[in-house]
PDB file of all heavy atoms in Angstrom:
ATOM      1  N   TYR A   1       2.902 -17.667 -10.208  1.00  0.00           N
ATOM      2  CA  TYR A   1       4.340 -17.731  -9.975  1.00  0.00           C
ATOM      3  C   TYR A   1       4.602 -17.450  -8.496  1.00  0.00           C
ATOM      4  O   TYR A   1       3.868 -16.692  -7.860  1.00  0.00           O
ATOM      5  CB  TYR A   1       5.083 -16.672 -10.794  1.00  0.00           C
ATOM      6  CG  TYR A   1       5.134 -16.925 -12.276  1.00  0.00           C
ATOM      7  CD1 TYR A   1       4.662 -15.962 -13.172  1.00  0.00           C
ATOM      8  CD2 TYR A   1       5.670 -18.087 -12.806  1.00  0.00           C
ATOM      9  CE1 TYR A   1       4.728 -16.169 -14.541  1.00  0.00           C
ATOM     10  CE2 TYR A   1       5.731 -18.292 -14.177  1.00  0.00           C
ATOM     11  CZ  TYR A   1       5.251 -17.331 -15.041  1.00  0.00           C
ATOM     12  OH  TYR A   1       5.310 -17.529 -16.387  1.00  0.00           O
ATOM     13  N   TYR A   2       5.681 -18.039  -7.991  1.00  0.00           N
ATOM     14  CA  TYR A   2       6.093 -17.800  -6.612  1.00  0.00           C
ATOM     15  C   TYR A   2       7.591 -17.584  -6.544  1.00  0.00           C
ATOM     16  O   TYR A   2       8.360 -18.195  -7.289  1.00  0.00           O
ATOM     17  CB  TYR A   2       5.735 -19.001  -5.725  1.00  0.00           C
ATOM     18  CG  TYR A   2       4.253 -19.261  -5.622  1.00  0.00           C
ATOM     19  CD1 TYR A   2       3.626 -20.154  -6.485  1.00  0.00           C
ATOM     20  CD2 TYR A   2       3.485 -18.614  -4.667  1.00  0.00           C
ATOM     21  CE1 TYR A   2       2.254 -20.381  -6.399  1.00  0.00           C
ATOM     22  CE2 TYR A   2       2.126 -18.838  -4.566  1.00  0.00           C
ATOM     23  CZ  TYR A   2       1.520 -19.723  -5.441  1.00  0.00           C
ATOM     24  OH  TYR A   2       0.165 -19.954  -5.345  1.00  0.00           O
ATOM     25  N   ALA A   3       7.992 -16.742  -5.615  1.00  0.00           N
ATOM     26  CA  ALA A   3       9.411 -16.636  -5.320  1.00  0.00           C
ATOM     27  C   ALA A   3       9.863 -17.949  -4.690  1.00  0.00           C
ATOM     28  O   ALA A   3       9.091 -18.616  -3.990  1.00  0.00           O
ATOM     29  CB  ALA A   3       9.661 -15.483  -4.347  1.00  0.00           C
ATOM     30  N   ASP A   4      11.109 -18.308  -4.940  1.00  0.00           N
ATOM     31  CA  ASP A   4      11.626 -19.564  -4.395  1.00  0.00           C
ATOM     32  C   ASP A   4      11.507 -19.606  -2.868  1.00  0.00           C
ATOM     33  O   ASP A   4      11.278 -20.663  -2.286  1.00  0.00           O
ATOM     34  CB  ASP A   4      13.084 -19.755  -4.796  1.00  0.00           C
ATOM     35  CG  ASP A   4      13.226 -20.089  -6.273  1.00  0.00           C
ATOM     36  OD1 ASP A   4      12.230 -20.505  -6.895  1.00  0.00           O
ATOM     37  OD2 ASP A   4      14.345 -19.934  -6.805  1.00  0.00           O
ATOM     38  N   SER A   5      11.648 -18.454  -2.249  1.00  0.00           N
ATOM     39  CA  SER A   5      11.654 -18.394  -0.786  1.00  0.00           C
ATOM     40  C   SER A   5      10.299 -18.717  -0.160  1.00  0.00           C
ATOM     41  O   SER A   5      10.220 -19.032   1.033  1.00  0.00           O
ATOM     42  CB  SER A   5      12.112 -17.010  -0.320  1.00  0.00           C
ATOM     43  OG  SER A   5      11.262 -16.000  -0.841  1.00  0.00           O
ATOM     44  N   VAL A   6       9.231 -18.640  -0.952  1.00  0.00           N
ATOM     45  CA  VAL A   6       7.891 -18.893  -0.399  1.00  0.00           C
ATOM     46  C   VAL A   6       7.210 -20.092  -1.042  1.00  0.00           C
ATOM     47  O   VAL A   6       6.118 -20.484  -0.603  1.00  0.00           O
ATOM     48  CB  VAL A   6       6.984 -17.654  -0.533  1.00  0.00           C
ATOM     49  CG1 VAL A   6       7.661 -16.423   0.058  1.00  0.00           C
ATOM     50  CG2 VAL A   6       6.588 -17.394  -1.987  1.00  0.00           C
ATOM     51  N   LYS A   7       7.824 -20.650  -2.053  1.00  0.00           N
ATOM     52  CA  LYS A   7       7.216 -21.754  -2.783  1.00  0.00           C
ATOM     53  C   LYS A   7       6.935 -22.920  -1.838  1.00  0.00           C
ATOM     54  O   LYS A   7       7.778 -23.299  -1.027  1.00  0.00           O
ATOM     55  CB  LYS A   7       8.158 -22.183  -3.909  1.00  0.00           C
ATOM     56  CG  LYS A   7       7.481 -22.880  -5.061  1.00  0.00           C
ATOM     57  CD  LYS A   7       8.469 -23.070  -6.218  1.00  0.00           C
ATOM     58  CE  LYS A   7       8.831 -21.767  -6.870  1.00  0.00           C
ATOM     59  NZ  LYS A   7       9.717 -21.941  -8.041  1.00  0.00           N
ATOM     60  N   GLY A   8       5.732 -23.450  -1.926  1.00  0.00           N
ATOM     61  CA  GLY A   8       5.340 -24.556  -1.063  1.00  0.00           C
ATOM     62  C   GLY A   8       4.736 -24.119   0.252  1.00  0.00           C
ATOM     63  O   GLY A   8       4.154 -24.933   0.983  1.00  0.00           O
ATOM     64  N   ARG A   9       4.872 -22.835   0.578  1.00  0.00           N
ATOM     65  CA  ARG A   9       4.310 -22.315   1.839  1.00  0.00           C
ATOM     66  C   ARG A   9       3.188 -21.305   1.594  1.00  0.00           C
ATOM     67  O   ARG A   9       2.247 -21.216   2.380  1.00  0.00           O
ATOM     68  CB  ARG A   9       5.408 -21.652   2.675  1.00  0.00           C
ATOM     69  CG  ARG A   9       6.546 -22.585   3.048  1.00  0.00           C
ATOM     70  CD  ARG A   9       7.506 -21.911   4.021  1.00  0.00           C
ATOM     71  NE  ARG A   9       8.169 -20.746   3.444  1.00  0.00           N
ATOM     72  CZ  ARG A   9       8.105 -19.519   3.951  1.00  0.00           C
ATOM     73  NH1 ARG A   9       7.423 -19.294   5.059  1.00  0.00           N
ATOM     74  NH2 ARG A   9       8.758 -18.514   3.370  1.00  0.00           N
ATOM     75  N   PHE A  10       3.309 -20.527   0.524  1.00  0.00           N
ATOM     76  CA  PHE A  10       2.328 -19.488   0.217  1.00  0.00           C
ATOM     77  C   PHE A  10       1.480 -19.923  -0.976  1.00  0.00           C
ATOM     78  O   PHE A  10       1.978 -20.593  -1.888  1.00  0.00           O
ATOM     79  CB  PHE A  10       3.011 -18.173  -0.133  1.00  0.00           C
ATOM     80  CG  PHE A  10       3.706 -17.479   1.019  1.00  0.00           C
ATOM     81  CD1 PHE A  10       3.907 -18.106   2.249  1.00  0.00           C
ATOM     82  CD2 PHE A  10       4.147 -16.173   0.868  1.00  0.00           C
ATOM     83  CE1 PHE A  10       4.553 -17.458   3.289  1.00  0.00           C
ATOM     84  CE2 PHE A  10       4.784 -15.506   1.904  1.00  0.00           C
ATOM     85  CZ  PHE A  10       4.991 -16.158   3.105  1.00  0.00           C
ATOM     86  N   THR A  11       0.216 -19.482  -0.974  1.00  0.00           N
ATOM     87  CA  THR A  11      -0.669 -19.736  -2.097  1.00  0.00           C
ATOM     88  C   THR A  11      -1.435 -18.473  -2.438  1.00  0.00           C
ATOM     89  O   THR A  11      -2.092 -17.889  -1.566  1.00  0.00           O
ATOM     90  CB  THR A  11      -1.671 -20.854  -1.775  1.00  0.00           C
ATOM     91  OG1 THR A  11      -0.970 -22.043  -1.404  1.00  0.00           O
ATOM     92  CG2 THR A  11      -2.549 -21.149  -2.989  1.00  0.00           C
ATOM     93  N   ILE A  12      -1.340 -18.068  -3.692  1.00  0.00           N
ATOM     94  CA  ILE A  12      -2.075 -16.906  -4.167  1.00  0.00           C
ATOM     95  C   ILE A  12      -3.356 -17.387  -4.836  1.00  0.00           C
ATOM     96  O   ILE A  12      -3.385 -18.450  -5.463  1.00  0.00           O
ATOM     97  CB  ILE A  12      -1.224 -16.063  -5.138  1.00  0.00           C
ATOM     98  CG1 ILE A  12      -1.883 -14.714  -5.420  1.00  0.00           C
ATOM     99  CG2 ILE A  12      -0.928 -16.833  -6.419  1.00  0.00           C
ATOM    100  CD1 ILE A  12      -0.985 -13.762  -6.219  1.00  0.00           C
ATOM    101  N   SER A  13      -4.421 -16.608  -4.686  1.00  0.00           N
ATOM    102  CA  SER A  13      -5.683 -16.925  -5.345  1.00  0.00           C
ATOM    103  C   SER A  13      -6.423 -15.616  -5.600  1.00  0.00           C
ATOM    104  O   SER A  13      -6.049 -14.570  -5.074  1.00  0.00           O
ATOM    105  CB  SER A  13      -6.525 -17.876  -4.492  1.00  0.00           C
ATOM    106  OG  SER A  13      -6.851 -17.286  -3.253  1.00  0.00           O
ATOM    107  N   ARG A  14      -7.458 -15.710  -6.399  1.00  0.00           N
ATOM    108  CA  ARG A  14      -8.248 -14.522  -6.690  1.00  0.00           C
ATOM    109  C   ARG A  14      -9.697 -14.900  -6.890  1.00  0.00           C
ATOM    110  O   ARG A  14     -10.009 -16.012  -7.322  1.00  0.00           O
ATOM    111  CB  ARG A  14      -7.703 -13.785  -7.904  1.00  0.00           C
ATOM    112  CG  ARG A  14      -7.826 -14.526  -9.219  1.00  0.00           C
ATOM    113  CD  ARG A  14      -6.996 -13.838 -10.324  1.00  0.00           C
ATOM    114  NE  ARG A  14      -7.490 -12.503 -10.626  1.00  0.00           N
ATOM    115  CZ  ARG A  14      -6.787 -11.602 -11.319  1.00  0.00           C
ATOM    116  NH1 ARG A  14      -5.577 -11.904 -11.762  1.00  0.00           N
ATOM    117  NH2 ARG A  14      -7.308 -10.416 -11.565  1.00  0.00           N
ATOM    118  N   ASP A  15     -10.561 -13.953  -6.580  1.00  0.00           N
ATOM    119  CA  ASP A  15     -11.996 -14.094  -6.838  1.00  0.00           C
ATOM    120  C   ASP A  15     -12.408 -12.863  -7.618  1.00  0.00           C
ATOM    121  O   ASP A  15     -12.650 -11.795  -7.040  1.00  0.00           O
ATOM    122  CB  ASP A  15     -12.754 -14.204  -5.518  1.00  0.00           C
ATOM    123  CG  ASP A  15     -14.235 -14.480  -5.720  1.00  0.00           C
ATOM    124  OD1 ASP A  15     -14.738 -14.243  -6.841  1.00  0.00           O
ATOM    125  OD2 ASP A  15     -14.888 -14.914  -4.771  1.00  0.00           O
ATOM    126  N   ASN A  16     -12.465 -13.004  -8.926  1.00  0.00           N
ATOM    127  CA  ASN A  16     -12.776 -11.846  -9.771  1.00  0.00           C
ATOM    128  C   ASN A  16     -14.210 -11.368  -9.566  1.00  0.00           C
ATOM    129  O   ASN A  16     -14.508 -10.198  -9.807  1.00  0.00           O
ATOM    130  CB  ASN A  16     -12.524 -12.182 -11.235  1.00  0.00           C
ATOM    131  CG  ASN A  16     -11.046 -12.243 -11.563  1.00  0.00           C
ATOM    132  OD1 ASN A  16     -10.200 -11.684 -10.862  1.00  0.00           O
ATOM    133  ND2 ASN A  16     -10.714 -12.939 -12.650  1.00  0.00           N
ATOM    134  N   THR A  17     -15.094 -12.232  -9.114  1.00  0.00           N
ATOM    135  CA  THR A  17     -16.468 -11.798  -8.856  1.00  0.00           C
ATOM    136  C   THR A  17     -16.539 -10.864  -7.655  1.00  0.00           C
ATOM    137  O   THR A  17     -17.446 -10.052  -7.539  1.00  0.00           O
ATOM    138  CB  THR A  17     -17.394 -12.996  -8.605  1.00  0.00           C
ATOM    139  OG1 THR A  17     -17.011 -13.650  -7.390  1.00  0.00           O
ATOM    140  CG2 THR A  17     -17.331 -13.985  -9.762  1.00  0.00           C
ATOM    141  N   LYS A  18     -15.542 -10.991  -6.769  1.00  0.00           N
ATOM    142  CA  LYS A  18     -15.486 -10.125  -5.586  1.00  0.00           C
ATOM    143  C   LYS A  18     -14.356  -9.106  -5.679  1.00  0.00           C
ATOM    144  O   LYS A  18     -14.100  -8.367  -4.724  1.00  0.00           O
ATOM    145  CB  LYS A  18     -15.310 -10.976  -4.326  1.00  0.00           C
ATOM    146  CG  LYS A  18     -16.480 -11.905  -4.045  1.00  0.00           C
ATOM    147  CD  LYS A  18     -16.284 -12.690  -2.760  1.00  0.00           C
ATOM    148  CE  LYS A  18     -17.488 -13.595  -2.496  1.00  0.00           C
ATOM    149  NZ  LYS A  18     -17.315 -14.414  -1.271  1.00  0.00           N
ATOM    150  N   ASN A  19     -13.695  -9.088  -6.824  1.00  0.00           N
ATOM    151  CA  ASN A  19     -12.613  -8.103  -7.040  1.00  0.00           C
ATOM    152  C   ASN A  19     -11.561  -8.173  -5.935  1.00  0.00           C
ATOM    153  O   ASN A  19     -11.086  -7.146  -5.444  1.00  0.00           O
ATOM    154  CB  ASN A  19     -13.190  -6.687  -7.114  1.00  0.00           C
ATOM    155  CG  ASN A  19     -12.796  -5.970  -8.385  1.00  0.00           C
ATOM    156  OD1 ASN A  19     -12.440  -6.583  -9.393  1.00  0.00           O
ATOM    157  ND2 ASN A  19     -12.854  -4.649  -8.353  1.00  0.00           N
ATOM    158  N   THR A  20     -11.196  -9.382  -5.572  1.00  0.00           N
ATOM    159  CA  THR A  20     -10.305  -9.580  -4.435  1.00  0.00           C
ATOM    160  C   THR A  20      -9.232 -10.615  -4.758  1.00  0.00           C
ATOM    161  O   THR A  20      -9.497 -11.591  -5.472  1.00  0.00           O
ATOM    162  CB  THR A  20     -11.095 -10.031  -3.198  1.00  0.00           C
ATOM    163  OG1 THR A  20     -12.121  -9.080  -2.914  1.00  0.00           O
ATOM    164  CG2 THR A  20     -10.191 -10.136  -1.967  1.00  0.00           C
ATOM    165  N   VAL A  21      -8.056 -10.377  -4.210  1.00  0.00           N
ATOM    166  CA  VAL A  21      -6.939 -11.297  -4.336  1.00  0.00           C
ATOM    167  C   VAL A  21      -6.499 -11.691  -2.931  1.00  0.00           C
ATOM    168  O   VAL A  21      -6.557 -10.879  -2.001  1.00  0.00           O
ATOM    169  CB  VAL A  21      -5.766 -10.641  -5.094  1.00  0.00           C
ATOM    170  CG1 VAL A  21      -4.601 -11.616  -5.251  1.00  0.00           C
ATOM    171  CG2 VAL A  21      -6.224 -10.150  -6.452  1.00  0.00           C
ATOM    172  N   PHE A  22      -6.040 -12.938  -2.804  1.00  0.00           N
ATOM    173  CA  PHE A  22      -5.661 -13.448  -1.491  1.00  0.00           C
ATOM    174  C   PHE A  22      -4.232 -13.991  -1.523  1.00  0.00           C
ATOM    175  O   PHE A  22      -3.736 -14.409  -2.565  1.00  0.00           O
ATOM    176  CB  PHE A  22      -6.606 -14.576  -1.072  1.00  0.00           C
ATOM    177  CG  PHE A  22      -8.053 -14.187  -1.083  1.00  0.00           C
ATOM    178  CD1 PHE A  22      -8.853 -14.490  -2.182  1.00  0.00           C
ATOM    179  CD2 PHE A  22      -8.621 -13.526  -0.013  1.00  0.00           C
ATOM    180  CE1 PHE A  22     -10.191 -14.138  -2.206  1.00  0.00           C
ATOM    181  CE2 PHE A  22      -9.960 -13.167  -0.021  1.00  0.00           C
ATOM    182  CZ  PHE A  22     -10.745 -13.469  -1.129  1.00  0.00           C
ATOM    183  N   LEU A  23      -3.623 -13.999  -0.355  1.00  0.00           N
ATOM    184  CA  LEU A  23      -2.335 -14.665  -0.197  1.00  0.00           C
ATOM    185  C   LEU A  23      -2.395 -15.462   1.096  1.00  0.00           C
ATOM    186  O   LEU A  23      -2.394 -14.880   2.185  1.00  0.00           O
ATOM    187  CB  LEU A  23      -1.183 -13.664  -0.160  1.00  0.00           C
ATOM    188  CG  LEU A  23       0.211 -14.294  -0.130  1.00  0.00           C
ATOM    189  CD1 LEU A  23       0.504 -14.990  -1.462  1.00  0.00           C
ATOM    190  CD2 LEU A  23       1.292 -13.251   0.167  1.00  0.00           C
ATOM    191  N   GLN A  24      -2.483 -16.777   0.954  1.00  0.00           N
ATOM    192  CA  GLN A  24      -2.467 -17.659   2.118  1.00  0.00           C
ATOM    193  C   GLN A  24      -1.022 -17.974   2.442  1.00  0.00           C
ATOM    194  O   GLN A  24      -0.293 -18.495   1.597  1.00  0.00           O
ATOM    195  CB  GLN A  24      -3.235 -18.945   1.819  1.00  0.00           C
ATOM    196  CG  GLN A  24      -3.213 -19.958   2.944  1.00  0.00           C
ATOM    197  CD  GLN A  24      -3.966 -19.481   4.179  1.00  0.00           C
ATOM    198  OE1 GLN A  24      -5.057 -18.918   4.065  1.00  0.00           O
ATOM    199  NE2 GLN A  24      -3.389 -19.700   5.361  1.00  0.00           N
ATOM    200  N   MET A  25      -0.624 -17.669   3.660  1.00  0.00           N
ATOM    201  CA  MET A  25       0.765 -17.850   4.070  1.00  0.00           C
ATOM    202  C   MET A  25       0.818 -18.855   5.220  1.00  0.00           C
ATOM    203  O   MET A  25       0.273 -18.586   6.300  1.00  0.00           O
ATOM    204  CB  MET A  25       1.376 -16.516   4.499  1.00  0.00           C
ATOM    205  CG  MET A  25       1.246 -15.435   3.448  1.00  0.00           C
ATOM    206  SD  MET A  25       2.112 -13.910   3.882  1.00  0.00           S
ATOM    207  CE  MET A  25       1.208 -13.408   5.332  1.00  0.00           C
ATOM    208  N   ASN A  26       1.440 -19.979   4.981  1.00  0.00           N
ATOM    209  CA  ASN A  26       1.570 -21.026   5.988  1.00  0.00           C
ATOM    210  C   ASN A  26       3.029 -21.222   6.368  1.00  0.00           C
ATOM    211  O   ASN A  26       3.934 -20.828   5.638  1.00  0.00           O
ATOM    212  CB  ASN A  26       1.003 -22.345   5.447  1.00  0.00           C
ATOM    213  CG  ASN A  26      -0.467 -22.263   5.143  1.00  0.00           C
ATOM    214  OD1 ASN A  26      -1.220 -21.533   5.790  1.00  0.00           O
ATOM    215  ND2 ASN A  26      -0.906 -23.025   4.148  1.00  0.00           N
ATOM    216  N   ASN A  27       3.230 -21.854   7.504  1.00  0.00           N
ATOM    217  CA  ASN A  27       4.591 -22.135   7.982  1.00  0.00           C
ATOM    218  C   ASN A  27       5.468 -20.883   7.907  1.00  0.00           C
ATOM    219  O   ASN A  27       6.573 -20.918   7.352  1.00  0.00           O
ATOM    220  CB  ASN A  27       5.208 -23.278   7.170  1.00  0.00           C
ATOM    221  CG  ASN A  27       6.500 -23.785   7.764  1.00  0.00           C
ATOM    222  OD1 ASN A  27       6.766 -23.606   8.953  1.00  0.00           O
ATOM    223  ND2 ASN A  27       7.323 -24.415   6.933  1.00  0.00           N
ATOM    224  N   LEU A  28       4.972 -19.820   8.463  1.00  0.00           N
ATOM    225  CA  LEU A  28       5.683 -18.550   8.394  1.00  0.00           C
ATOM    226  C   LEU A  28       6.994 -18.599   9.160  1.00  0.00           C
ATOM    227  O   LEU A  28       7.117 -19.278  10.185  1.00  0.00           O
ATOM    228  CB  LEU A  28       4.799 -17.421   8.923  1.00  0.00           C
ATOM    229  CG  LEU A  28       3.721 -16.973   7.939  1.00  0.00           C
ATOM    230  CD1 LEU A  28       2.595 -16.238   8.653  1.00  0.00           C
ATOM    231  CD2 LEU A  28       4.328 -16.086   6.867  1.00  0.00           C
ATOM    232  N   LYS A  29       7.964 -17.868   8.652  1.00  0.00           N
ATOM    233  CA  LYS A  29       9.305 -17.801   9.227  1.00  0.00           C
ATOM    234  C   LYS A  29       9.629 -16.358   9.587  1.00  0.00           C
ATOM    235  O   LYS A  29       9.082 -15.429   8.978  1.00  0.00           O
ATOM    236  CB  LYS A  29      10.324 -18.321   8.221  1.00  0.00           C
ATOM    237  CG  LYS A  29      10.047 -19.729   7.724  1.00  0.00           C
ATOM    238  CD  LYS A  29      11.049 -20.125   6.652  1.00  0.00           C
ATOM    239  CE  LYS A  29      10.771 -21.537   6.151  1.00  0.00           C
ATOM    240  NZ  LYS A  29      11.739 -21.956   5.113  1.00  0.00           N
ATOM    241  N   PRO A  30      10.532 -16.146  10.526  1.00  0.00           N
ATOM    242  CA  PRO A  30      10.901 -14.763  10.881  1.00  0.00           C
ATOM    243  C   PRO A  30      11.359 -13.949   9.679  1.00  0.00           C
ATOM    244  O   PRO A  30      11.093 -12.734   9.618  1.00  0.00           O
ATOM    245  CB  PRO A  30      12.028 -14.958  11.893  1.00  0.00           C
ATOM    246  CG  PRO A  30      11.707 -16.265  12.543  1.00  0.00           C
ATOM    247  CD  PRO A  30      11.147 -17.122  11.441  1.00  0.00           C
ATOM    248  N   GLU A  31      11.991 -14.595   8.725  1.00  0.00           N
ATOM    249  CA  GLU A  31      12.454 -13.864   7.544  1.00  0.00           C
ATOM    250  C   GLU A  31      11.325 -13.451   6.609  1.00  0.00           C
ATOM    251  O   GLU A  31      11.552 -12.733   5.627  1.00  0.00           O
ATOM    252  CB  GLU A  31      13.496 -14.690   6.769  1.00  0.00           C
ATOM    253  CG  GLU A  31      13.080 -16.109   6.438  1.00  0.00           C
ATOM    254  CD  GLU A  31      13.601 -17.115   7.452  1.00  0.00           C
ATOM    255  OE1 GLU A  31      13.557 -16.821   8.677  1.00  0.00           O
ATOM    256  OE2 GLU A  31      14.027 -18.199   7.015  1.00  0.00           O
ATOM    257  N   ASP A  32      10.101 -13.867   6.901  1.00  0.00           N
ATOM    258  CA  ASP A  32       8.948 -13.404   6.129  1.00  0.00           C
ATOM    259  C   ASP A  32       8.440 -12.056   6.641  1.00  0.00           C
ATOM    260  O   ASP A  32       7.541 -11.463   6.038  1.00  0.00           O
ATOM    261  CB  ASP A  32       7.800 -14.416   6.214  1.00  0.00           C
ATOM    262  CG  ASP A  32       8.118 -15.729   5.539  1.00  0.00           C
ATOM    263  OD1 ASP A  32       8.730 -15.709   4.447  1.00  0.00           O
ATOM    264  OD2 ASP A  32       7.746 -16.788   6.091  1.00  0.00           O
ATOM    265  N   THR A  33       9.000 -11.579   7.726  1.00  0.00           N
ATOM    266  CA  THR A  33       8.583 -10.295   8.284  1.00  0.00           C
ATOM    267  C   THR A  33       8.821  -9.176   7.282  1.00  0.00           C
ATOM    268  O   THR A  33       9.944  -8.998   6.788  1.00  0.00           O
ATOM    269  CB  THR A  33       9.346 -10.007   9.588  1.00  0.00           C
ATOM    270  OG1 THR A  33       8.970 -10.981  10.570  1.00  0.00           O
ATOM    271  CG2 THR A  33       9.029  -8.612  10.108  1.00  0.00           C
ATOM    272  N   ALA A  34       7.766  -8.418   6.975  1.00  0.00           N
ATOM    273  CA  ALA A  34       7.847  -7.353   5.978  1.00  0.00           C
ATOM    274  C   ALA A  34       6.489  -6.672   5.868  1.00  0.00           C
ATOM    275  O   ALA A  34       5.497  -7.148   6.417  1.00  0.00           O
ATOM    276  CB  ALA A  34       8.256  -7.923   4.620  1.00  0.00           C
ATOM    277  N   VAL A  35       6.472  -5.595   5.118  1.00  0.00           N
ATOM    278  CA  VAL A  35       5.215  -4.990   4.687  1.00  0.00           C
ATOM    279  C   VAL A  35       4.849  -5.632   3.353  1.00  0.00           C
ATOM    280  O   VAL A  35       5.643  -5.607   2.419  1.00  0.00           O
ATOM    281  CB  VAL A  35       5.338  -3.465   4.530  1.00  0.00           C
ATOM    282  CG1 VAL A  35       4.048  -2.897   3.947  1.00  0.00           C
ATOM    283  CG2 VAL A  35       5.647  -2.816   5.872  1.00  0.00           C
ATOM    284  N   TYR A  36       3.663  -6.201   3.310  1.00  0.00           N
ATOM    285  CA  TYR A  36       3.198  -6.887   2.106  1.00  0.00           C
ATOM    286  C   TYR A  36       2.219  -5.982   1.360  1.00  0.00           C
ATOM    287  O   TYR A  36       1.247  -5.488   1.946  1.00  0.00           O
ATOM    288  CB  TYR A  36       2.506  -8.189   2.478  1.00  0.00           C
ATOM    289  CG  TYR A  36       3.474  -9.275   2.877  1.00  0.00           C
ATOM    290  CD1 TYR A  36       4.188  -9.195   4.069  1.00  0.00           C
ATOM    291  CD2 TYR A  36       3.705 -10.362   2.045  1.00  0.00           C
ATOM    292  CE1 TYR A  36       5.100 -10.179   4.424  1.00  0.00           C
ATOM    293  CE2 TYR A  36       4.603 -11.358   2.392  1.00  0.00           C
ATOM    294  CZ  TYR A  36       5.301 -11.252   3.593  1.00  0.00           C
ATOM    295  OH  TYR A  36       6.201 -12.237   3.937  1.00  0.00           O
ATOM    296  N   SER A  37       2.494  -5.824   0.068  1.00  0.00           N
ATOM    297  CA  SER A  37       1.651  -4.975  -0.773  1.00  0.00           C
ATOM    298  C   SER A  37       1.138  -5.769  -1.958  1.00  0.00           C
ATOM    299  O   SER A  37       1.881  -6.572  -2.532  1.00  0.00           O
ATOM    300  CB  SER A  37       2.440  -3.779  -1.287  1.00  0.00           C
ATOM    301  OG  SER A  37       2.932  -2.983  -0.229  1.00  0.00           O
ATOM    302  N   CYS A  38      -0.104  -5.515  -2.306  1.00  0.00           N
ATOM    303  CA  CYS A  38      -0.589  -6.105  -3.547  1.00  0.00           C
ATOM    304  C   CYS A  38      -0.484  -5.065  -4.661  1.00  0.00           C
ATOM    305  O   CYS A  38      -0.422  -3.863  -4.394  1.00  0.00           O
ATOM    306  CB  CYS A  38      -2.004  -6.652  -3.415  1.00  0.00           C
ATOM    307  SG  CYS A  38      -3.294  -5.427  -3.279  1.00  0.00           S
ATOM    308  N   ALA A  39      -0.452  -5.545  -5.867  1.00  0.00           N
ATOM    309  CA  ALA A  39      -0.259  -4.674  -7.010  1.00  0.00           C
ATOM    310  C   ALA A  39      -1.054  -5.192  -8.193  1.00  0.00           C
ATOM    311  O   ALA A  39      -1.204  -6.405  -8.375  1.00  0.00           O
ATOM    312  CB  ALA A  39       1.220  -4.594  -7.369  1.00  0.00           C
TER     313      ALA A  39
END
């Protein structure tokens, strides 16, 4: 799932073998400025 504000620009993925989650963020905008936390 994606928030409407990031849909088409961000891609989430995971590698369970490496116990890691990723967030690829493209075409970043000033309004994307924030502290990003995974949960």
